[in-house]
Amino acid sequence: MPIEFRCPTCGKLLRVGDDAAGRQAKCPACATVQQIPAATPPIKPRPGADPPYPPEPLSRDLSSQPLSDFTDNPYASPGSAGMPLSAAPRHGGPRSGPPWERDGVSFGSFVATVKELYLSPVEFFSQMRRGAGLMPPLNFAAAGSIVGCSAAMTYFIAISLLQPNGPLADLPAAGPERFGYLLGMVGTWGCCSIIIMPLMMLVYALAMAGLTHLTLLVLGAAKFPYETTLRVAAYSLGAAMLVMVAPLCGFYLSIPVQLVYAGIGLAKAQETSAGIAVAAVLLPTLLCGGGGIATLIVFAAMAGA
């Protein structure tokens, strides 16, 4: 049974699950820090006052929603986590999260999550949990990176070996020297695909999420913490890396795919406008791209000096 009580400072009606009783929390309306009381009968509206929530509150009841979805505020008004009722997301309940989180890590949940993300990204990020730990989305990004990088490295090695003047041209047609070269190439391929590249992609996700969240803070659009932005970046990256399975053009296609998914994810997870979400994604990308070009120019100038 959910706990309903009024803030002693502003009188706002609040609701939370009974498992939060006795915890310290901050009122989303006036920021008063207080202790959540024990379970009490539902509070009736004041005479003549507007109803504190719609006539059918159960369809919008967030009492069973994980406390992590409320960031640092473990309770909220019946509409949403610290938002006016009119601006609350209308999904009819708490965010369920993707199969990757609901069903546990497995091949089946990975395929189901990828299917949901590709076929309906708006709904996917509308249901993505804002805070339920960083390991599930980072594991998804790592899994997508392993699949995409393995495919890209396989294409690269195949094309390299099939070229007339490739690395095998000067080696004997058979023998230990040729076998040793192929074994070393396969070992390098496996190390890059399974260890080095996924780690680099995770570092990239952490860095880009930090820059993106900083941009949101500057624009005044960061309604939820860095964890929410990082979860968007990780799921977007995992989906984009799978595009590298496409031969030749996969790497180039993965870049716009990642940017598009990140923009959709920010708009839905941070509950901001599409324009601000696009700006938050593109500004760090352009900044990093410009910095990379400037670095290449400096190194080229130093090499020519």
Protein backbone atom coordinates (compact mmCIF):
# COMPACT_ATOMS: atom_id res chain seq x y z
CA MET A 1 0.00 0.00 0.00
CA PRO A 2 1.59 3.34 -1.01
CA ILE A 3 2.29 6.00 1.60
CA GLU A 4 0.55 9.34 0.98
CA PHE A 5 1.39 12.45 3.00
CA ARG A 6 1.69 16.21 2.65
CA CYS A 7 4.88 18.21 2.82
CA PRO A 8 4.81 20.17 6.12
CA THR A 9 6.26 23.25 4.41
CA CYS A 10 4.35 23.64 1.13
CA GLY A 11 1.45 21.22 1.67
CA LYS A 12 2.12 19.30 -1.56
CA LEU A 13 0.61 15.82 -1.65
CA LEU A 14 3.30 13.17 -2.09
CA ARG A 15 3.16 9.44 -2.67
CA VAL A 16 5.81 6.71 -2.34
CA GLY A 17 5.97 2.95 -1.84
CA ASP A 18 5.78 1.65 1.72
CA ASP A 19 9.37 0.34 1.49
CA ALA A 20 10.63 3.94 1.68
CA ALA A 21 9.19 4.60 5.15
CA GLY A 22 11.65 6.22 7.54
CA ARG A 23 14.05 7.43 4.82
CA GLN A 24 15.23 11.02 4.51
CA ALA A 25 14.19 12.75 1.29
CA LYS A 26 13.72 16.15 -0.30
CA CYS A 27 10.36 17.55 -1.39
CA PRO A 28 10.33 18.02 -5.20
CA ALA A 29 8.33 21.23 -4.82
CA CYS A 30 10.03 23.21 -2.03
CA ALA A 31 13.22 21.17 -1.43
CA THR A 32 12.46 20.68 2.27
CA VAL A 33 14.39 17.70 3.67
CA GLN A 34 12.20 15.55 5.88
CA GLN A 35 11.60 11.98 7.01
CA ILE A 36 9.07 9.84 5.17
CA PRO A 37 6.40 8.76 7.66
CA ALA A 38 5.07 5.26 8.18
CA ALA A 39 2.16 3.99 6.12
CA THR A 40 -1.07 5.90 6.73
CA PRO A 41 -4.55 5.84 5.15
CA PRO A 42 -4.80 7.82 1.86
CA ILE A 43 -5.14 11.57 2.40
CA LYS A 44 -8.31 13.15 1.15
CA PRO A 45 -8.11 16.41 -0.84
CA ARG A 46 -8.70 19.62 1.04
CA PRO A 47 -12.25 21.00 0.73
CA GLY A 48 -12.54 23.09 -2.39
CA ALA A 49 -9.04 22.21 -3.61
CA ASP A 50 -8.23 20.66 -6.97
CA PRO A 51 -7.74 16.89 -6.93
CA PRO A 52 -4.06 16.05 -6.34
CA TYR A 53 -4.13 13.52 -9.18
CA PRO A 54 -6.46 12.33 -11.96
CA PRO A 55 -9.61 10.34 -11.08
CA GLU A 56 -7.84 7.10 -12.05
CA PRO A 57 -4.54 7.36 -10.20
CA LEU A 58 -3.68 3.69 -10.47
CA SER A 59 -2.93 4.08 -14.17
CA ARG A 60 -0.28 6.63 -13.23
CA ASP A 61 0.80 5.11 -9.90
CA LEU A 62 4.57 5.26 -9.55
CA SER A 63 4.73 3.71 -6.10
CA SER A 64 6.25 0.49 -7.47
CA GLN A 65 8.84 2.32 -9.59
CA PRO A 66 12.49 1.69 -8.55
CA LEU A 67 13.73 4.45 -6.27
CA SER A 68 16.73 4.90 -8.58
CA ASP A 69 14.39 6.30 -11.24
CA PHE A 70 13.80 9.27 -8.92
CA THR A 71 17.56 10.06 -8.82
CA ASP A 72 18.28 11.60 -5.40
CA ASN A 73 14.61 12.00 -4.50
CA PRO A 74 13.01 8.71 -3.38
CA TYR A 75 9.47 10.05 -3.59
CA ALA A 76 7.56 12.28 -5.93
CA SER A 77 4.12 13.64 -6.60
CA PRO A 78 1.66 11.14 -8.13
CA GLY A 79 2.35 12.57 -11.60
CA SER A 80 6.09 12.12 -11.97
CA ALA A 81 9.48 12.55 -10.34
CA GLY A 82 9.38 16.20 -9.35
CA MET A 83 7.54 17.32 -12.51
CA PRO A 84 4.18 19.00 -12.98
CA LEU A 85 1.47 16.46 -13.68
CA SER A 86 0.79 17.94 -17.11
CA ALA A 87 4.43 17.44 -18.14
CA ALA A 88 4.79 13.88 -16.88
CA PRO A 89 5.51 11.06 -19.35
CA ARG A 90 2.36 9.13 -20.15
CA HIS A 91 3.43 5.52 -20.37
CA GLY A 92 0.89 4.24 -17.88
CA GLY A 93 3.40 3.10 -15.25
CA PRO A 94 7.05 2.81 -14.28
CA ARG A 95 9.77 2.34 -16.88
CA SER A 96 10.16 -1.37 -17.52
CA GLY A 97 13.60 -1.27 -19.13
CA PRO A 98 14.81 -3.39 -22.08
CA PRO A 99 14.89 -7.23 -22.07
CA TRP A 100 18.65 -7.01 -21.45
CA GLU A 101 17.84 -5.73 -17.95
CA ARG A 102 14.47 -7.41 -17.34
CA ASP A 103 15.45 -10.94 -18.39
CA GLY A 104 19.16 -10.94 -17.55
CA VAL A 105 22.23 -11.15 -19.76
CA SER A 106 21.79 -13.80 -22.46
CA PHE A 107 21.91 -14.18 -26.21
CA GLY A 108 18.11 -14.11 -26.40
CA SER A 109 17.78 -10.91 -24.33
CA PHE A 110 20.53 -9.30 -26.43
CA VAL A 111 18.69 -10.06 -29.67
CA ALA A 112 15.37 -8.90 -28.20
CA THR A 113 16.93 -5.64 -26.99
CA VAL A 114 18.54 -4.98 -30.37
CA LYS A 115 15.21 -5.67 -32.08
CA GLU A 116 13.36 -3.22 -29.82
CA LEU A 117 16.05 -0.57 -30.25
CA TYR A 118 16.13 -0.80 -34.06
CA LEU A 119 12.40 -1.12 -34.67
CA SER A 120 11.11 1.44 -32.14
CA PRO A 121 13.89 3.60 -30.65
CA VAL A 122 11.43 6.20 -29.34
CA GLU A 123 9.54 3.62 -27.30
CA PHE A 124 12.80 1.94 -26.27
CA PHE A 125 14.25 5.09 -24.70
CA SER A 126 10.86 6.09 -23.30
CA GLN A 127 10.92 2.84 -21.31
CA MET A 128 14.67 2.83 -20.50
CA ARG A 129 15.31 3.06 -16.77
CA ARG A 130 17.03 6.27 -15.81
CA GLY A 131 18.93 4.70 -12.96
CA ALA A 132 19.32 0.97 -12.37
CA GLY A 133 23.09 0.58 -12.34
CA LEU A 134 25.72 1.19 -15.02
CA MET A 135 26.82 -2.39 -15.69
CA PRO A 136 23.82 -3.54 -17.80
CA PRO A 137 24.11 -0.76 -20.43
CA LEU A 138 27.92 -0.89 -20.42
CA ASN A 139 27.79 -4.67 -20.90
CA PHE A 140 25.39 -4.16 -23.80
CA ALA A 141 27.79 -1.63 -25.36
CA ALA A 142 30.67 -4.08 -24.90
CA ALA A 143 28.69 -6.93 -26.48
CA GLY A 144 27.74 -4.80 -29.48
CA SER A 145 31.35 -3.65 -29.83
CA ILE A 146 32.67 -7.23 -29.81
CA VAL A 147 30.25 -8.28 -32.56
CA GLY A 148 30.82 -5.19 -34.70
CA CYS A 149 34.61 -5.07 -34.27
CA SER A 150 34.95 -8.81 -34.96
CA ALA A 151 33.08 -8.40 -38.23
CA ALA A 152 35.10 -5.34 -39.24
CA MET A 153 38.43 -7.03 -38.46
CA THR A 154 37.38 -10.15 -40.38
CA TYR A 155 36.60 -8.06 -43.47
CA PHE A 156 39.90 -6.20 -43.13
CA ILE A 157 41.98 -9.37 -42.86
CA ALA A 158 40.13 -11.06 -45.72
CA ILE A 159 40.62 -8.09 -48.05
CA SER A 160 44.26 -7.80 -47.02
CA LEU A 161 44.99 -11.46 -47.70
CA LEU A 162 43.16 -11.52 -51.03
CA GLN A 163 45.09 -8.62 -52.53
CA PRO A 164 47.67 -9.68 -55.17
CA ASN A 165 50.37 -7.65 -53.47
CA GLY A 166 49.15 -8.40 -49.95
CA PRO A 167 51.25 -9.54 -46.97
CA LEU A 168 51.18 -13.19 -48.14
CA ALA A 169 52.63 -12.41 -51.57
CA ASP A 170 56.26 -12.70 -50.40
CA LEU A 171 55.70 -15.78 -48.22
CA PRO A 172 56.00 -19.39 -49.34
CA ALA A 173 52.80 -21.10 -50.46
CA ALA A 174 53.06 -23.47 -47.47
CA GLY A 175 55.27 -24.06 -44.48
CA PRO A 176 55.82 -22.88 -40.92
CA GLU A 177 56.61 -19.30 -41.93
CA ARG A 178 53.25 -18.82 -43.64
CA PHE A 179 51.42 -20.66 -40.84
CA GLY A 180 53.12 -18.53 -38.18
CA TYR A 181 52.17 -15.34 -39.98
CA LEU A 182 48.52 -16.40 -40.27
CA LEU A 183 48.46 -17.49 -36.62
CA GLY A 184 49.86 -14.13 -35.51
CA MET A 185 47.32 -12.28 -37.64
CA VAL A 186 44.43 -14.28 -36.15
CA GLY A 187 45.76 -13.67 -32.62
CA THR A 188 46.02 -9.95 -33.26
CA TRP A 189 42.53 -9.95 -34.74
CA GLY A 190 41.11 -11.70 -31.68
CA CYS A 191 42.88 -9.42 -29.21
CA CYS A 192 41.71 -6.27 -30.99
CA SER A 193 38.16 -7.49 -31.51
CA ILE A 194 37.48 -8.93 -28.06
CA ILE A 195 39.62 -6.84 -25.71
CA ILE A 196 41.17 -3.64 -27.06
CA MET A 197 38.38 -2.22 -29.22
CA PRO A 198 35.53 -2.90 -26.74
CA LEU A 199 37.56 -1.22 -23.96
CA MET A 200 38.20 1.76 -26.22
CA MET A 201 34.49 1.99 -27.01
CA LEU A 202 33.60 1.95 -23.31
CA VAL A 203 36.07 4.75 -22.64
CA TYR A 204 34.53 6.63 -25.56
CA ALA A 205 31.02 6.13 -24.11
CA LEU A 206 32.10 7.43 -20.69
CA ALA A 207 33.83 10.46 -22.19
CA MET A 208 31.08 11.38 -24.65
CA ALA A 209 28.41 10.94 -21.99
CA GLY A 210 30.37 13.30 -19.75
CA LEU A 211 30.66 15.96 -22.45
CA THR A 212 27.03 15.51 -23.46
CA HIS A 213 25.83 15.82 -19.87
CA LEU A 214 28.00 18.90 -19.38
CA THR A 215 26.34 20.43 -22.44
CA LEU A 216 22.92 19.63 -21.00
CA LEU A 217 23.91 21.32 -17.73
CA VAL A 218 25.05 24.42 -19.61
CA LEU A 219 21.78 24.49 -21.54
CA GLY A 220 19.80 23.97 -18.33
CA ALA A 221 18.24 20.74 -19.65
CA ALA A 222 19.80 18.11 -17.37
CA LYS A 223 16.75 17.04 -15.37
CA PHE A 224 18.32 13.72 -14.39
CA PRO A 225 21.89 12.79 -13.38
CA TYR A 226 24.92 11.73 -15.40
CA GLU A 227 23.94 8.08 -15.04
CA THR A 228 20.87 8.66 -17.22
CA THR A 229 22.97 10.26 -19.96
CA LEU A 230 25.55 7.48 -19.76
CA ARG A 231 22.86 4.81 -20.09
CA VAL A 232 21.62 6.52 -23.27
CA ALA A 233 25.16 6.72 -24.64
CA ALA A 234 25.89 3.06 -23.87
CA TYR A 235 22.76 1.65 -25.48
CA SER A 236 23.20 3.97 -28.50
CA LEU A 237 26.82 2.89 -28.90
CA GLY A 238 26.00 -0.81 -28.61
CA ALA A 239 23.37 -0.53 -31.33
CA ALA A 240 25.61 1.57 -33.58
CA MET A 241 28.56 -0.83 -33.32
CA LEU A 242 26.39 -3.64 -34.67
CA VAL A 243 26.07 -1.69 -37.92
CA MET A 244 29.75 -2.45 -38.53
CA VAL A 245 28.63 -5.94 -39.51
CA ALA A 246 27.80 -4.40 -42.90
CA PRO A 247 30.85 -4.88 -45.19
CA LEU A 248 32.99 -1.89 -46.23
CA CYS A 249 30.52 0.88 -45.26
CA GLY A 250 29.61 -0.37 -41.78
CA PHE A 251 32.08 1.85 -39.93
CA TYR A 252 30.91 5.01 -41.69
CA LEU A 253 27.24 4.16 -41.16
CA SER A 254 27.74 3.48 -37.45
CA ILE A 255 28.64 7.13 -36.73
CA PRO A 256 25.33 8.74 -37.82
CA VAL A 257 23.37 5.83 -36.33
CA GLN A 258 24.98 6.45 -32.93
CA LEU A 259 24.27 10.18 -33.11
CA VAL A 260 20.63 9.67 -34.10
CA TYR A 261 19.96 7.14 -31.34
CA ALA A 262 21.74 9.31 -28.77
CA GLY A 263 19.59 12.29 -29.75
CA ILE A 264 16.36 10.29 -29.47
CA GLY A 265 17.51 8.79 -26.17
CA LEU A 266 18.38 12.13 -24.60
CA ALA A 267 15.06 13.68 -25.60
CA LYS A 268 13.12 10.82 -23.99
CA ALA A 269 15.31 10.02 -20.98
CA GLN A 270 16.15 13.61 -19.97
CA GLU A 271 12.67 14.82 -21.00
CA THR A 272 13.94 17.71 -23.08
CA SER A 273 13.15 19.06 -26.53
CA ALA A 274 14.50 17.49 -29.72
CA GLY A 275 16.49 20.64 -30.51
CA ILE A 276 18.31 20.65 -27.17
CA ALA A 277 18.95 16.91 -27.44
CA VAL A 278 20.47 17.32 -30.90
CA ALA A 279 22.62 20.23 -29.70
CA ALA A 280 23.81 18.24 -26.68
CA VAL A 281 24.88 15.38 -28.97
CA LEU A 282 26.38 17.38 -31.83
CA LEU A 283 28.30 20.07 -29.92
CA PRO A 284 30.67 17.60 -28.15
CA THR A 285 31.03 15.63 -31.39
CA LEU A 286 32.00 18.74 -33.36
CA LEU A 287 34.29 19.87 -30.56
CA CYS A 288 36.12 16.54 -30.43
CA GLY A 289 36.21 16.35 -34.22
CA GLY A 290 37.65 19.84 -34.48
CA GLY A 291 40.20 19.05 -31.79
CA GLY A 292 41.25 15.91 -33.65
CA ILE A 293 41.69 17.79 -36.93
CA ALA A 294 43.69 20.53 -35.16
CA THR A 295 45.94 17.87 -33.59
CA LEU A 296 46.57 16.27 -36.98
CA ILE A 297 47.46 19.68 -38.47
CA VAL A 298 49.92 20.38 -35.63
CA PHE A 299 51.62 16.98 -36.02
CA ALA A 300 51.80 17.46 -39.78
CA ALA A 301 53.40 20.89 -39.32
CA MET A 302 55.91 19.50 -36.81
CA ALA A 303 56.78 16.64 -39.15
CA GLY A 304 57.40 19.03 -42.03
CA ALA A 305 59.51 21.43 -39.96
